[in-house]
Amino acid sequence: MSEFKRISPEQAQSLRDQGAVVVDIRDPQSFASGHISQSLHLDNHSLADFIARADFDKPLIVSCYHGNSSQGAAAYLANQGFSEVYSLDGGFELWRNQFPQHVSHSESE
């Protein structure tokens, strides 16, 4: 059984620079109003497709509102076979405060 690690926004940014995939598990409206640049929105409907197409060797960072829900999702994804899974401490709210230049807004995603 794989385990996930909790990481700070600074550590997450460093992993993003190295090609890590960021998934956002917040509701679609919250994601549309602001999310980590280049992150993917993941919900119960898109989860199976995401797992089917995923590169299990790439680091995976899970983001939510404040870093609580992402821990459960990270544990689930780690158990699906991803080799490196991280939960973003402080979630999107802390990310937005520390890296506002890396926030995207989009209604179409």
Protein backbone atom coordinates (compact mmCIF):
# COMPACT_ATOMS: atom_id res chain seq x y z
CA MET A 1 0.00 0.00 0.00
CA SER A 2 1.39 3.37 -1.04
CA GLU A 3 1.25 6.42 1.15
CA PHE A 4 0.97 10.10 0.36
CA LYS A 5 2.99 12.97 1.78
CA ARG A 6 1.80 16.42 2.83
CA ILE A 7 3.74 19.26 1.22
CA SER A 8 3.85 23.04 1.37
CA PRO A 9 2.99 25.30 -1.57
CA GLU A 10 6.73 25.97 -2.02
CA GLN A 11 7.47 22.26 -2.32
CA ALA A 12 4.50 21.84 -4.67
CA GLN A 13 5.74 24.66 -6.89
CA SER A 14 9.15 23.00 -7.11
CA LEU A 15 7.52 19.68 -8.07
CA ARG A 16 5.37 21.46 -10.69
CA ASP A 17 8.55 22.85 -12.22
CA GLN A 18 9.78 19.25 -12.49
CA GLY A 19 6.63 18.06 -14.27
CA ALA A 20 4.30 17.01 -11.46
CA VAL A 21 0.59 16.80 -12.26
CA VAL A 22 -1.75 18.89 -10.09
CA VAL A 23 -5.36 17.79 -9.61
CA ASP A 24 -8.00 19.98 -7.96
CA ILE A 25 -10.88 18.19 -6.22
CA ARG A 26 -12.98 21.25 -5.36
CA ASP A 27 -16.41 21.76 -6.89
CA PRO A 28 -16.56 22.86 -10.55
CA GLN A 29 -17.65 26.43 -9.75
CA SER A 30 -14.74 26.97 -7.37
CA PHE A 31 -12.33 25.50 -9.90
CA ALA A 32 -13.69 27.78 -12.64
CA SER A 33 -13.35 30.88 -10.47
CA GLY A 34 -9.70 30.17 -9.73
CA HIS A 35 -7.27 27.25 -9.66
CA ILE A 36 -3.56 26.46 -9.78
CA SER A 37 -2.37 27.08 -13.32
CA GLN A 38 -2.39 23.94 -15.48
CA SER A 39 -4.17 21.88 -12.83
CA LEU A 40 -6.84 19.37 -13.79
CA HIS A 41 -10.29 19.34 -12.23
CA LEU A 42 -11.02 15.91 -10.79
CA ASP A 43 -14.39 14.73 -9.50
CA ASN A 44 -16.27 11.44 -9.21
CA HIS A 45 -17.27 11.65 -12.89
CA SER A 46 -13.75 12.20 -14.28
CA LEU A 47 -11.82 10.04 -11.81
CA ALA A 48 -11.94 6.73 -13.73
CA ASP A 49 -10.84 8.36 -17.01
CA PHE A 50 -8.05 10.21 -15.22
CA ILE A 51 -6.74 7.01 -13.65
CA ALA A 52 -7.03 5.10 -16.95
CA ARG A 53 -4.89 7.69 -18.78
CA ALA A 54 -2.52 8.69 -15.99
CA ASP A 55 1.23 8.27 -15.89
CA PHE A 56 1.62 6.49 -12.55
CA ASP A 57 5.31 7.42 -12.37
CA LYS A 58 4.76 11.20 -12.47
CA PRO A 59 4.43 12.97 -9.13
CA LEU A 60 0.78 13.82 -8.39
CA ILE A 61 -0.28 16.76 -6.20
CA VAL A 62 -3.84 16.87 -4.87
CA SER A 63 -5.35 20.25 -4.01
CA CYS A 64 -8.63 21.15 -2.31
CA TYR A 65 -9.89 24.24 -0.43
CA HIS A 66 -7.71 24.20 2.70
CA GLY A 67 -5.74 20.94 2.59
CA ASN A 68 -8.15 18.64 4.43
CA SER A 69 -10.19 16.84 1.75
CA SER A 70 -7.09 16.43 -0.40
CA GLN A 71 -5.60 14.07 2.18
CA GLY A 72 -8.34 11.49 1.69
CA ALA A 73 -8.18 11.85 -2.08
CA ALA A 74 -4.37 11.57 -2.01
CA ALA A 75 -4.60 8.37 0.06
CA TYR A 76 -7.11 6.94 -2.42
CA LEU A 77 -4.93 7.81 -5.43
CA ALA A 78 -1.83 6.40 -3.74
CA ASN A 79 -3.74 3.15 -3.28
CA GLN A 80 -4.60 3.15 -7.00
CA GLY A 81 -0.91 2.74 -7.81
CA PHE A 82 0.53 6.24 -8.22
CA SER A 83 4.15 6.11 -7.11
CA GLU A 84 4.38 9.66 -5.68
CA VAL A 85 1.27 11.35 -4.29
CA TYR A 86 1.19 14.60 -2.33
CA SER A 87 -1.53 16.53 -0.52
CA LEU A 88 -1.13 20.31 -0.72
CA ASP A 89 -1.08 21.72 2.83
CA GLY A 90 -3.26 24.82 3.07
CA GLY A 91 -4.96 23.91 -0.21
CA PHE A 92 -5.80 26.39 -2.92
CA GLU A 93 -6.41 29.19 -0.40
CA LEU A 94 -2.80 29.15 0.83
CA TRP A 95 -1.50 28.60 -2.71
CA ARG A 96 -3.40 31.68 -3.96
CA ASN A 97 -1.85 33.80 -1.20
CA GLN A 98 1.70 32.60 -1.89
CA PHE A 99 1.65 32.21 -5.69
CA PRO A 100 -1.01 34.54 -7.12
CA GLN A 101 0.92 34.63 -10.40
CA HIS A 102 0.24 30.89 -10.79
CA VAL A 103 -3.56 31.10 -10.54
CA SER A 104 -5.79 30.69 -13.59
CA HIS A 105 -9.42 31.70 -13.96
CA SER A 106 -11.60 30.00 -16.49
CA GLU A 107 -15.23 29.24 -17.00
CA SER A 108 -14.58 26.67 -19.72
CA GLU A 109 -12.43 24.16 -17.83
